[in-house]
């Protein structure tokens, strides 16, 4: 289904959008990983906004590398996952960005989130080897990431060590609950909600 933002981007696509080509595609658990030829000068924590064929827009975290990749969570029969399932090596797509999204100070960081946070956790893990701890709500994560039962925000917050630099990402319910628990321990966090129930495109 088209969106107002998508229709505007389609009108301006030759002025504001870049083009990338899919090199390879593979299924990684509940994700589709797309290797692409270029995502601009993306850094860990950046975002891109893909203009889908139906003129809808979806936001994803690029994972910088040579070549870069996208990790798309197959969470439902919605526009983003449908596009990821249908796209094939050799296909091209248009996108806006990369743009700043999540920024945290240099050094070790604890990234808290859910399945929508796995890509940003991987991006920071590659940029800061052995300096990133990922605490992920739900069973869907990658190797080296610690998972927690869905909704067990108290356990997630308790796993954050005192004095840590923390980035809270993912669903708004998780962000709000874990932030409150960390504030009770005088731990500040950078926050970036990627989604909320009943809303789309909040990032």
N, C-alpha and C. Protein backbone atom coordinates (compact mmCIF):
# COMPACT_ATOMS: atom_id res chain seq x y z
N UNK A 1 0.85 -1.19 0.00
CA UNK A 1 0.00 0.00 0.00
C UNK A 1 0.89 1.24 0.00
N UNK A 2 0.63 2.16 -0.89
CA UNK A 2 1.45 3.36 -0.98
C UNK A 2 1.23 4.26 0.23
N UNK A 3 2.23 5.07 0.52
CA UNK A 3 2.12 6.05 1.60
C UNK A 3 2.40 7.43 1.02
N UNK A 4 1.97 8.46 1.75
CA UNK A 4 2.22 9.82 1.28
C UNK A 4 3.71 10.08 1.12
N UNK A 5 4.49 9.59 2.10
CA UNK A 5 5.94 9.78 2.01
C UNK A 5 6.50 9.06 0.80
N UNK A 6 6.00 7.84 0.54
CA UNK A 6 6.49 7.07 -0.60
C UNK A 6 6.15 7.76 -1.92
N UNK A 7 4.95 8.30 -2.02
CA UNK A 7 4.57 8.98 -3.26
C UNK A 7 5.43 10.22 -3.50
N UNK A 8 5.76 10.93 -2.43
CA UNK A 8 6.64 12.10 -2.58
C UNK A 8 8.03 11.67 -3.01
N UNK A 9 8.56 10.62 -2.37
CA UNK A 9 9.88 10.14 -2.76
C UNK A 9 9.90 9.66 -4.21
N UNK A 10 8.81 9.03 -4.65
CA UNK A 10 8.75 8.58 -6.04
C UNK A 10 8.82 9.76 -7.00
N UNK A 11 8.14 10.86 -6.66
CA UNK A 11 8.17 12.04 -7.51
C UNK A 11 9.56 12.65 -7.57
N UNK A 12 10.29 12.55 -6.43
CA UNK A 12 11.60 13.20 -6.33
C UNK A 12 12.76 12.21 -6.43
N UNK A 13 12.47 10.97 -6.85
CA UNK A 13 13.48 9.93 -6.72
C UNK A 13 14.79 10.24 -7.43
N UNK A 14 14.74 10.91 -8.56
CA UNK A 14 15.99 11.20 -9.27
C UNK A 14 16.82 12.27 -8.58
N UNK A 15 16.20 12.99 -7.63
CA UNK A 15 16.92 14.04 -6.92
C UNK A 15 17.42 13.57 -5.56
N UNK A 16 16.68 12.70 -4.87
CA UNK A 16 17.00 12.41 -3.47
C UNK A 16 17.34 10.94 -3.20
N UNK A 17 17.14 10.06 -4.17
CA UNK A 17 17.35 8.63 -3.91
C UNK A 17 18.60 8.09 -4.59
N UNK A 18 19.20 7.11 -3.95
CA UNK A 18 20.30 6.35 -4.53
C UNK A 18 19.76 5.01 -5.03
N UNK A 19 20.57 4.32 -5.82
CA UNK A 19 20.19 2.99 -6.29
C UNK A 19 21.23 1.98 -5.85
N UNK A 20 20.77 0.82 -5.44
CA UNK A 20 21.66 -0.28 -5.06
C UNK A 20 21.20 -1.55 -5.77
N UNK A 21 22.12 -2.47 -5.95
CA UNK A 21 21.81 -3.75 -6.60
C UNK A 21 22.06 -4.88 -5.62
N UNK A 22 21.15 -5.82 -5.59
CA UNK A 22 21.28 -6.98 -4.72
C UNK A 22 22.29 -7.95 -5.33
N UNK A 23 23.31 -8.30 -4.55
CA UNK A 23 24.33 -9.25 -5.01
C UNK A 23 23.95 -10.67 -4.63
N UNK A 24 23.52 -10.86 -3.39
CA UNK A 24 23.16 -12.20 -2.94
C UNK A 24 22.08 -12.10 -1.88
N UNK A 25 21.43 -13.23 -1.65
CA UNK A 25 20.33 -13.29 -0.70
C UNK A 25 20.37 -14.64 0.01
N UNK A 26 20.18 -14.61 1.33
CA UNK A 26 20.11 -15.87 2.06
C UNK A 26 19.21 -15.70 3.27
N UNK A 27 18.64 -16.82 3.70
CA UNK A 27 17.80 -16.84 4.89
C UNK A 27 18.68 -17.14 6.09
N UNK A 28 18.57 -16.31 7.13
CA UNK A 28 19.31 -16.50 8.38
C UNK A 28 18.28 -16.53 9.50
N UNK A 29 17.82 -17.74 9.84
CA UNK A 29 16.77 -17.85 10.84
C UNK A 29 15.54 -17.09 10.40
N UNK A 30 15.02 -16.18 11.23
CA UNK A 30 13.83 -15.41 10.87
C UNK A 30 14.16 -14.13 10.10
N UNK A 31 15.33 -14.07 9.51
CA UNK A 31 15.76 -12.89 8.77
C UNK A 31 16.11 -13.27 7.34
N UNK A 32 16.02 -12.29 6.45
CA UNK A 32 16.63 -12.39 5.13
C UNK A 32 17.80 -11.42 5.10
N UNK A 33 18.95 -11.94 4.73
CA UNK A 33 20.16 -11.12 4.61
C UNK A 33 20.40 -10.83 3.14
N UNK A 34 20.45 -9.55 2.81
CA UNK A 34 20.74 -9.12 1.45
C UNK A 34 22.12 -8.48 1.41
N UNK A 35 22.98 -9.02 0.58
CA UNK A 35 24.27 -8.38 0.31
C UNK A 35 24.08 -7.50 -0.92
N UNK A 36 24.52 -6.25 -0.83
CA UNK A 36 24.27 -5.29 -1.91
C UNK A 36 25.57 -4.63 -2.34
N UNK A 37 25.54 -4.00 -3.51
CA UNK A 37 26.80 -3.46 -4.04
C UNK A 37 27.22 -2.18 -3.36
N UNK A 38 26.27 -1.38 -2.84
CA UNK A 38 26.65 -0.13 -2.20
C UNK A 38 25.49 0.42 -1.39
N UNK A 39 25.80 0.97 -0.22
CA UNK A 39 24.82 1.70 0.58
C UNK A 39 25.40 3.04 0.98
N UNK A 40 26.19 3.62 0.09
CA UNK A 40 26.81 4.90 0.39
C UNK A 40 27.86 4.76 1.47
N UNK A 41 28.07 5.82 2.22
CA UNK A 41 29.10 5.84 3.26
C UNK A 41 28.50 5.51 4.63
N UNK A 42 27.70 4.46 4.69
CA UNK A 42 27.01 4.11 5.93
C UNK A 42 27.98 3.77 7.05
N UNK A 43 27.64 4.22 8.26
CA UNK A 43 28.38 3.89 9.47
C UNK A 43 27.46 3.13 10.42
N UNK A 44 28.05 2.48 11.40
CA UNK A 44 27.25 1.76 12.40
C UNK A 44 26.26 2.71 13.05
N UNK A 45 25.00 2.31 13.10
CA UNK A 45 23.96 3.14 13.69
C UNK A 45 23.21 4.02 12.72
N UNK A 46 23.61 4.01 11.45
CA UNK A 46 22.88 4.78 10.44
C UNK A 46 21.60 4.06 10.04
N UNK A 47 20.78 4.73 9.25
CA UNK A 47 19.57 4.12 8.70
C UNK A 47 19.45 4.47 7.22
N UNK A 48 18.76 3.62 6.48
CA UNK A 48 18.35 3.96 5.13
C UNK A 48 16.84 3.75 5.04
N UNK A 49 16.21 4.44 4.11
CA UNK A 49 14.78 4.30 3.88
C UNK A 49 14.57 3.81 2.46
N UNK A 50 14.05 2.58 2.34
CA UNK A 50 13.87 1.96 1.03
C UNK A 50 12.49 2.28 0.48
N UNK A 51 12.47 2.74 -0.77
CA UNK A 51 11.21 2.97 -1.47
C UNK A 51 10.80 1.66 -2.13
N UNK A 52 9.75 1.04 -1.62
CA UNK A 52 9.30 -0.26 -2.12
C UNK A 52 8.53 -0.09 -3.44
N UNK A 53 8.38 -1.18 -4.19
CA UNK A 53 7.69 -1.07 -5.49
C UNK A 53 6.27 -0.53 -5.39
N UNK A 54 5.59 -0.74 -4.25
CA UNK A 54 4.22 -0.24 -4.11
C UNK A 54 4.17 1.19 -3.57
N UNK A 55 5.34 1.85 -3.56
CA UNK A 55 5.46 3.24 -3.07
C UNK A 55 5.27 3.37 -1.57
N UNK A 56 5.44 2.29 -0.84
CA UNK A 56 5.56 2.37 0.61
C UNK A 56 7.03 2.55 0.94
N UNK A 57 7.32 2.93 2.17
CA UNK A 57 8.70 3.19 2.60
C UNK A 57 8.97 2.41 3.88
N UNK A 58 10.12 1.75 3.95
CA UNK A 58 10.51 1.05 5.16
C UNK A 58 11.95 1.40 5.51
N UNK A 59 12.20 1.51 6.82
CA UNK A 59 13.50 1.92 7.33
C UNK A 59 14.29 0.72 7.81
N UNK A 60 15.57 0.65 7.43
CA UNK A 60 16.44 -0.45 7.83
C UNK A 60 17.81 0.08 8.24
N UNK A 61 18.48 -0.72 9.07
CA UNK A 61 19.84 -0.39 9.50
C UNK A 61 20.83 -1.06 8.57
N UNK A 62 21.65 -0.31 7.84
CA UNK A 62 22.68 -0.93 7.01
C UNK A 62 23.81 -1.48 7.88
N UNK A 63 24.35 -2.60 7.48
CA UNK A 63 25.51 -3.19 8.16
C UNK A 63 26.71 -2.94 7.27
N UNK A 64 27.55 -1.95 7.61
CA UNK A 64 28.68 -1.60 6.74
C UNK A 64 29.62 -2.78 6.55
N UNK A 65 30.21 -2.84 5.40
CA UNK A 65 31.16 -3.90 5.10
C UNK A 65 31.53 -3.83 3.63
N UNK A 66 32.31 -4.78 3.19
CA UNK A 66 32.74 -4.82 1.79
C UNK A 66 32.41 -6.20 1.21
N UNK A 67 31.17 -6.39 0.75
CA UNK A 67 30.10 -5.41 0.54
C UNK A 67 29.21 -5.26 1.78
N UNK A 68 28.39 -4.21 1.81
CA UNK A 68 27.46 -4.02 2.93
C UNK A 68 26.27 -4.97 2.83
N UNK A 69 25.55 -5.11 3.94
CA UNK A 69 24.39 -6.00 3.96
C UNK A 69 23.21 -5.32 4.65
N UNK A 70 22.03 -5.89 4.39
CA UNK A 70 20.80 -5.54 5.08
C UNK A 70 20.25 -6.81 5.72
N UNK A 71 19.71 -6.68 6.92
CA UNK A 71 19.13 -7.81 7.63
C UNK A 71 17.66 -7.47 7.90
N UNK A 72 16.76 -8.19 7.26
CA UNK A 72 15.34 -7.85 7.31
C UNK A 72 14.58 -8.92 8.07
N UNK A 73 13.92 -8.51 9.15
CA UNK A 73 13.18 -9.45 9.99
C UNK A 73 11.85 -9.81 9.32
N UNK A 74 11.61 -11.11 9.16
CA UNK A 74 10.39 -11.58 8.53
C UNK A 74 9.30 -11.73 9.58
N UNK A 75 8.86 -10.62 10.11
CA UNK A 75 7.98 -10.65 11.28
C UNK A 75 6.52 -10.86 10.93
N UNK A 76 6.11 -10.55 9.70
CA UNK A 76 4.69 -10.65 9.35
C UNK A 76 4.55 -10.49 7.85
N UNK A 77 3.32 -10.63 7.37
CA UNK A 77 3.04 -10.43 5.95
C UNK A 77 2.76 -8.95 5.73
N UNK A 78 3.81 -8.15 5.85
CA UNK A 78 3.74 -6.71 5.70
C UNK A 78 4.66 -6.27 4.57
N UNK A 79 4.62 -5.00 4.15
CA UNK A 79 5.35 -4.60 2.94
C UNK A 79 6.84 -4.92 2.94
N UNK A 80 7.54 -4.65 4.05
CA UNK A 80 8.97 -4.90 4.08
C UNK A 80 9.33 -6.36 3.89
N UNK A 81 8.79 -7.26 4.72
CA UNK A 81 9.07 -8.68 4.52
C UNK A 81 8.62 -9.21 3.16
N UNK A 82 7.48 -8.74 2.65
CA UNK A 82 7.04 -9.19 1.32
C UNK A 82 8.06 -8.82 0.26
N UNK A 83 8.60 -7.59 0.35
CA UNK A 83 9.61 -7.18 -0.62
C UNK A 83 10.87 -8.03 -0.47
N UNK A 84 11.29 -8.27 0.76
CA UNK A 84 12.51 -9.05 0.99
C UNK A 84 12.36 -10.47 0.46
N UNK A 85 11.17 -11.05 0.60
CA UNK A 85 10.95 -12.41 0.08
C UNK A 85 10.98 -12.44 -1.45
N UNK A 86 10.53 -11.36 -2.09
CA UNK A 86 10.40 -11.36 -3.55
C UNK A 86 11.65 -10.91 -4.28
N UNK A 87 12.48 -10.10 -3.63
CA UNK A 87 13.65 -9.55 -4.31
C UNK A 87 14.66 -10.65 -4.59
N UNK A 88 15.41 -10.52 -5.69
CA UNK A 88 16.35 -11.56 -6.10
C UNK A 88 17.68 -10.93 -6.47
N UNK A 89 18.78 -11.70 -6.42
CA UNK A 89 20.07 -11.18 -6.87
C UNK A 89 19.97 -10.61 -8.28
N UNK A 90 20.57 -9.45 -8.44
CA UNK A 90 20.49 -8.74 -9.70
C UNK A 90 19.45 -7.64 -9.72
N UNK A 91 18.45 -7.73 -8.83
CA UNK A 91 17.44 -6.68 -8.74
C UNK A 91 18.04 -5.42 -8.15
N UNK A 92 17.47 -4.29 -8.50
CA UNK A 92 17.89 -3.01 -7.92
C UNK A 92 16.75 -2.42 -7.09
N UNK A 93 17.12 -1.53 -6.19
CA UNK A 93 16.12 -0.82 -5.40
C UNK A 93 16.62 0.59 -5.14
N UNK A 94 15.70 1.49 -4.82
CA UNK A 94 16.05 2.88 -4.56
C UNK A 94 15.90 3.15 -3.07
N UNK A 95 16.78 3.99 -2.55
CA UNK A 95 16.74 4.28 -1.12
C UNK A 95 17.23 5.69 -0.84
N UNK A 96 16.81 6.21 0.30
CA UNK A 96 17.27 7.50 0.80
C UNK A 96 18.25 7.25 1.93
N UNK A 97 19.34 8.00 1.96
CA UNK A 97 20.31 7.86 3.03
C UNK A 97 21.67 7.47 2.49
N UNK A 98 22.55 7.00 3.37
CA UNK A 98 22.32 6.77 4.80
C UNK A 98 22.24 8.07 5.60
N UNK A 99 21.43 8.02 6.65
CA UNK A 99 21.24 9.15 7.54
C UNK A 99 21.54 8.74 8.97
N UNK A 100 21.84 9.72 9.80
CA UNK A 100 22.12 9.45 11.21
C UNK A 100 20.87 8.92 11.90
N UNK A 101 21.05 7.94 12.76
CA UNK A 101 19.93 7.41 13.52
C UNK A 101 20.33 7.19 14.97
N UNK A 102 21.22 6.23 15.22
CA UNK A 102 21.65 5.93 16.58
C UNK A 102 23.13 6.25 16.72
N UNK A 103 23.46 7.13 17.65
CA UNK A 103 24.86 7.48 17.91
C UNK A 103 25.16 7.26 19.38
N UNK A 104 26.24 6.58 19.67
CA UNK A 104 26.68 6.35 21.05
C UNK A 104 28.15 6.70 21.16
N UNK A 105 28.62 7.06 22.36
CA UNK A 105 30.02 7.42 22.52
C UNK A 105 30.94 6.27 22.12
N UNK A 106 32.18 6.62 21.78
CA UNK A 106 33.18 5.60 21.48
C UNK A 106 33.40 4.69 22.68
N UNK A 107 33.83 3.47 22.40
CA UNK A 107 34.14 2.54 23.47
C UNK A 107 33.09 1.46 23.62
N UNK A 108 33.18 0.67 24.68
CA UNK A 108 32.23 -0.43 24.90
C UNK A 108 30.81 0.09 25.04
N UNK A 109 29.86 -0.71 24.56
CA UNK A 109 28.45 -0.32 24.62
C UNK A 109 27.59 -1.56 24.80
N UNK A 110 26.51 -1.41 25.55
CA UNK A 110 25.49 -2.45 25.68
C UNK A 110 24.29 -2.02 24.84
N UNK A 111 23.94 -2.84 23.84
CA UNK A 111 22.79 -2.54 23.00
C UNK A 111 21.65 -3.44 23.42
N UNK A 112 20.55 -2.83 23.83
CA UNK A 112 19.35 -3.54 24.27
C UNK A 112 18.28 -3.37 23.20
N UNK A 113 17.58 -4.45 22.86
CA UNK A 113 16.56 -4.32 21.85
C UNK A 113 15.80 -5.61 21.64
N UNK A 114 15.19 -5.72 20.45
CA UNK A 114 14.43 -6.90 20.07
C UNK A 114 14.89 -7.33 18.68
N UNK A 115 14.07 -8.10 17.97
CA UNK A 115 14.50 -8.59 16.66
C UNK A 115 14.80 -7.45 15.69
N UNK A 116 14.13 -6.31 15.85
CA UNK A 116 14.40 -5.18 14.96
C UNK A 116 15.71 -4.49 15.29
N UNK A 117 16.35 -4.90 16.39
CA UNK A 117 17.62 -4.30 16.82
C UNK A 117 18.82 -5.16 16.46
N UNK A 118 18.58 -6.34 15.92
CA UNK A 118 19.69 -7.27 15.65
C UNK A 118 20.66 -6.67 14.63
N UNK A 119 20.13 -6.00 13.61
CA UNK A 119 21.02 -5.42 12.60
C UNK A 119 21.91 -4.34 13.18
N UNK A 120 21.36 -3.45 14.01
CA UNK A 120 22.19 -2.39 14.58
C UNK A 120 23.21 -2.98 15.55
N UNK A 121 22.83 -4.03 16.28
CA UNK A 121 23.80 -4.69 17.17
C UNK A 121 24.93 -5.32 16.37
N UNK A 122 24.59 -5.93 15.25
CA UNK A 122 25.64 -6.53 14.41
C UNK A 122 26.54 -5.45 13.82
N UNK A 123 25.93 -4.34 13.38
CA UNK A 123 26.73 -3.26 12.80
C UNK A 123 27.74 -2.72 13.80
N UNK A 124 27.31 -2.49 15.04
CA UNK A 124 28.24 -1.99 16.05
C UNK A 124 29.25 -3.05 16.44
N UNK A 125 28.85 -4.32 16.45
CA UNK A 125 29.79 -5.38 16.80
C UNK A 125 30.93 -5.46 15.78
N UNK A 126 30.60 -5.25 14.51
CA UNK A 126 31.65 -5.27 13.48
C UNK A 126 32.53 -4.02 13.57
N UNK A 127 31.92 -2.89 13.93
CA UNK A 127 32.69 -1.65 14.02
C UNK A 127 33.56 -1.59 15.27
N UNK A 128 33.12 -2.28 16.34
CA UNK A 128 33.83 -2.25 17.62
C UNK A 128 34.03 -3.69 18.12
N UNK A 129 34.92 -4.42 17.51
CA UNK A 129 35.10 -5.83 17.89
C UNK A 129 35.38 -5.99 19.38
N UNK A 130 34.71 -6.96 20.00
CA UNK A 130 34.89 -7.30 21.41
C UNK A 130 34.49 -6.16 22.36
N UNK A 131 33.73 -5.17 21.86
CA UNK A 131 33.34 -4.04 22.70
C UNK A 131 31.83 -3.86 22.79
N UNK A 132 31.07 -4.80 22.23
CA UNK A 132 29.61 -4.66 22.18
C UNK A 132 28.96 -5.86 22.84
N UNK A 133 28.03 -5.59 23.76
CA UNK A 133 27.18 -6.61 24.34
C UNK A 133 25.76 -6.37 23.86
N UNK A 134 25.13 -7.41 23.30
CA UNK A 134 23.76 -7.27 22.78
C UNK A 134 22.81 -8.09 23.62
N UNK A 135 21.79 -7.43 24.18
CA UNK A 135 20.76 -8.07 24.99
C UNK A 135 19.45 -7.95 24.21
N UNK A 136 18.95 -9.08 23.71
CA UNK A 136 17.83 -9.06 22.76
C UNK A 136 16.59 -9.74 23.36
N UNK A 137 15.48 -9.01 23.35
CA UNK A 137 14.20 -9.58 23.78
C UNK A 137 13.68 -10.54 22.73
N UNK A 138 13.26 -11.73 23.15
CA UNK A 138 12.73 -12.72 22.23
C UNK A 138 13.79 -13.68 21.75
N UNK A 139 13.40 -14.72 21.02
CA UNK A 139 14.32 -15.79 20.64
C UNK A 139 15.14 -15.51 19.39
N UNK A 140 14.87 -14.39 18.72
CA UNK A 140 15.48 -14.17 17.42
C UNK A 140 16.69 -13.26 17.52
N UNK A 141 17.86 -13.84 17.42
CA UNK A 141 19.10 -13.08 17.49
C UNK A 141 20.16 -13.81 16.69
N UNK A 142 21.36 -13.26 16.66
CA UNK A 142 22.48 -13.90 15.99
C UNK A 142 23.47 -14.42 17.02
N UNK A 143 24.41 -15.21 16.57
CA UNK A 143 25.40 -15.80 17.46
C UNK A 143 26.12 -14.71 18.26
N UNK A 144 26.28 -14.96 19.54
CA UNK A 144 26.97 -14.02 20.41
C UNK A 144 26.06 -13.01 21.08
N UNK A 145 24.77 -13.01 20.70
CA UNK A 145 23.82 -12.09 21.32
C UNK A 145 23.02 -12.85 22.36
N UNK A 146 22.81 -12.22 23.51
CA UNK A 146 22.09 -12.87 24.61
C UNK A 146 20.60 -12.60 24.46
N UNK A 147 19.77 -13.64 24.59
CA UNK A 147 18.33 -13.47 24.42
C UNK A 147 17.59 -13.63 25.74
N UNK A 148 16.40 -13.00 25.79
CA UNK A 148 15.55 -13.00 26.99
C UNK A 148 14.12 -13.28 26.57
N UNK A 149 13.32 -13.78 27.50
CA UNK A 149 11.91 -14.04 27.23
C UNK A 149 11.21 -12.74 26.84
N UNK A 150 10.29 -12.85 25.90
CA UNK A 150 9.53 -11.68 25.48
C UNK A 150 8.78 -11.06 26.66
N UNK A 151 8.98 -9.77 26.84
CA UNK A 151 8.31 -9.06 27.92
C UNK A 151 9.02 -9.09 29.26
N UNK A 152 10.14 -9.80 29.35
CA UNK A 152 10.85 -9.88 30.64
C UNK A 152 11.82 -8.70 30.76
N UNK A 153 11.25 -7.52 30.86
CA UNK A 153 12.05 -6.31 30.87
C UNK A 153 12.91 -6.20 32.13
N UNK A 154 12.43 -6.74 33.24
CA UNK A 154 13.21 -6.68 34.47
C UNK A 154 14.51 -7.46 34.33
N UNK A 155 14.45 -8.64 33.70
CA UNK A 155 15.65 -9.44 33.51
C UNK A 155 16.63 -8.77 32.55
N UNK A 156 16.08 -8.14 31.52
CA UNK A 156 16.94 -7.44 30.57
C UNK A 156 17.67 -6.30 31.28
N UNK A 157 16.94 -5.50 32.04
CA UNK A 157 17.56 -4.38 32.74
C UNK A 157 18.58 -4.86 33.76
N UNK A 158 18.27 -5.97 34.44
CA UNK A 158 19.20 -6.50 35.45
C UNK A 158 20.50 -6.98 34.83
N UNK A 159 20.48 -7.34 33.54
CA UNK A 159 21.68 -7.83 32.86
C UNK A 159 22.62 -6.71 32.44
N UNK A 160 22.16 -5.46 32.53
CA UNK A 160 23.01 -4.32 32.17
C UNK A 160 23.93 -4.01 33.35
N UNK A 161 25.24 -4.04 33.15
CA UNK A 161 26.15 -3.78 34.27
C UNK A 161 26.15 -2.32 34.68
N UNK A 162 26.44 -2.07 35.96
CA UNK A 162 26.56 -0.69 36.44
C UNK A 162 27.63 0.05 35.66
N UNK A 163 27.35 1.31 35.37
CA UNK A 163 28.33 2.14 34.69
C UNK A 163 28.43 1.94 33.20
N UNK A 164 27.58 1.09 32.62
CA UNK A 164 27.66 0.79 31.19
C UNK A 164 27.15 1.95 30.34
N UNK A 165 27.70 2.07 29.14
CA UNK A 165 27.11 2.93 28.12
C UNK A 165 26.05 2.09 27.42
N UNK A 166 24.80 2.57 27.43
CA UNK A 166 23.68 1.76 26.99
C UNK A 166 22.93 2.45 25.85
N UNK A 167 22.54 1.64 24.86
CA UNK A 167 21.66 2.10 23.79
C UNK A 167 20.40 1.25 23.83
N UNK A 168 19.25 1.88 24.06
CA UNK A 168 17.97 1.19 24.09
C UNK A 168 17.28 1.37 22.74
N UNK A 169 16.95 0.25 22.08
CA UNK A 169 16.37 0.29 20.75
C UNK A 169 15.20 -0.69 20.67
N UNK A 170 14.53 -0.72 19.52
CA UNK A 170 13.47 -1.70 19.31
C UNK A 170 12.10 -1.13 19.58
N UNK A 171 11.20 -1.97 20.11
CA UNK A 171 9.83 -1.56 20.38
C UNK A 171 9.72 -0.55 21.49
N UNK A 172 8.74 0.34 21.38
CA UNK A 172 8.62 1.42 22.36
C UNK A 172 8.33 0.90 23.76
N UNK A 173 7.58 -0.20 23.90
CA UNK A 173 7.28 -0.74 25.23
C UNK A 173 8.56 -1.19 25.92
N UNK A 174 9.43 -1.85 25.18
CA UNK A 174 10.72 -2.29 25.74
C UNK A 174 11.56 -1.08 26.14
N UNK A 175 11.65 -0.10 25.25
CA UNK A 175 12.48 1.08 25.52
C UNK A 175 12.02 1.79 26.79
N UNK A 176 10.71 2.00 26.92
CA UNK A 176 10.18 2.72 28.08
C UNK A 176 10.41 1.94 29.37
N UNK A 177 10.13 0.64 29.35
CA UNK A 177 10.24 -0.16 30.57
C UNK A 177 11.69 -0.31 31.03
N UNK A 178 12.58 -0.61 30.11
CA UNK A 178 13.98 -0.81 30.49
C UNK A 178 14.61 0.52 30.89
N UNK A 179 14.25 1.60 30.22
CA UNK A 179 14.80 2.92 30.60
C UNK A 179 14.40 3.27 32.03
N UNK A 180 13.16 2.99 32.41
CA UNK A 180 12.72 3.29 33.78
C UNK A 180 13.50 2.47 34.79
N UNK A 181 13.73 1.19 34.49
CA UNK A 181 14.49 0.34 35.41
C UNK A 181 15.94 0.80 35.52
N UNK A 182 16.52 1.24 34.42
CA UNK A 182 17.91 1.70 34.47
C UNK A 182 18.02 3.04 35.20
N UNK A 183 17.04 3.92 35.01
CA UNK A 183 17.07 5.20 35.72
C UNK A 183 17.02 4.99 37.23
N UNK A 184 16.31 3.96 37.66
CA UNK A 184 16.26 3.66 39.09
C UNK A 184 17.62 3.27 39.62
N UNK A 185 18.51 2.85 38.73
CA UNK A 185 19.89 2.51 39.11
C UNK A 185 20.86 3.61 38.70
N UNK A 186 20.33 4.77 38.31
CA UNK A 186 21.14 5.93 37.90
C UNK A 186 21.99 5.63 36.68
N UNK A 187 21.45 4.80 35.76
CA UNK A 187 22.13 4.50 34.50
C UNK A 187 21.38 5.23 33.39
N UNK A 188 22.08 6.11 32.69
CA UNK A 188 21.49 6.80 31.56
C UNK A 188 21.63 5.95 30.30
N UNK A 189 20.79 6.21 29.31
CA UNK A 189 20.83 5.45 28.07
C UNK A 189 20.45 6.34 26.90
N UNK A 190 21.08 6.07 25.76
CA UNK A 190 20.63 6.63 24.49
C UNK A 190 19.45 5.79 24.04
N UNK A 191 18.37 6.42 23.59
CA UNK A 191 17.18 5.66 23.21
C UNK A 191 16.81 5.91 21.75
N UNK A 192 16.31 4.86 21.11
CA UNK A 192 15.83 4.95 19.72
C UNK A 192 14.76 3.90 19.51
N UNK A 193 13.51 4.29 19.60
CA UNK A 193 12.40 3.36 19.36
C UNK A 193 12.23 3.18 17.85
N UNK A 194 12.19 1.92 17.41
CA UNK A 194 12.03 1.62 16.00
C UNK A 194 10.58 1.37 15.60
N UNK A 195 9.76 0.98 16.58
CA UNK A 195 8.37 0.69 16.24
C UNK A 195 7.51 0.77 17.50
N UNK A 196 6.21 0.85 17.27
CA UNK A 196 5.24 0.83 18.36
C UNK A 196 3.96 0.19 17.85
N UNK A 197 3.26 -0.50 18.70
CA UNK A 197 2.03 -1.16 18.30
C UNK A 197 1.04 -0.14 17.74
N UNK A 198 0.49 -0.45 16.58
CA UNK A 198 -0.50 0.42 15.96
C UNK A 198 0.06 1.57 15.18
N UNK A 199 1.39 1.64 15.07
CA UNK A 199 2.00 2.73 14.33
C UNK A 199 3.01 2.17 13.35
N UNK A 200 3.27 2.89 12.26
CA UNK A 200 4.31 2.51 11.31
C UNK A 200 5.17 3.73 11.02
N UNK A 201 6.43 3.44 10.66
CA UNK A 201 7.31 4.50 10.22
C UNK A 201 7.69 5.51 11.27
N UNK A 202 7.86 5.06 12.54
CA UNK A 202 8.19 6.05 13.57
C UNK A 202 9.68 6.40 13.54
N UNK A 203 10.49 5.62 12.84
CA UNK A 203 11.90 6.00 12.69
C UNK A 203 12.19 6.13 11.20
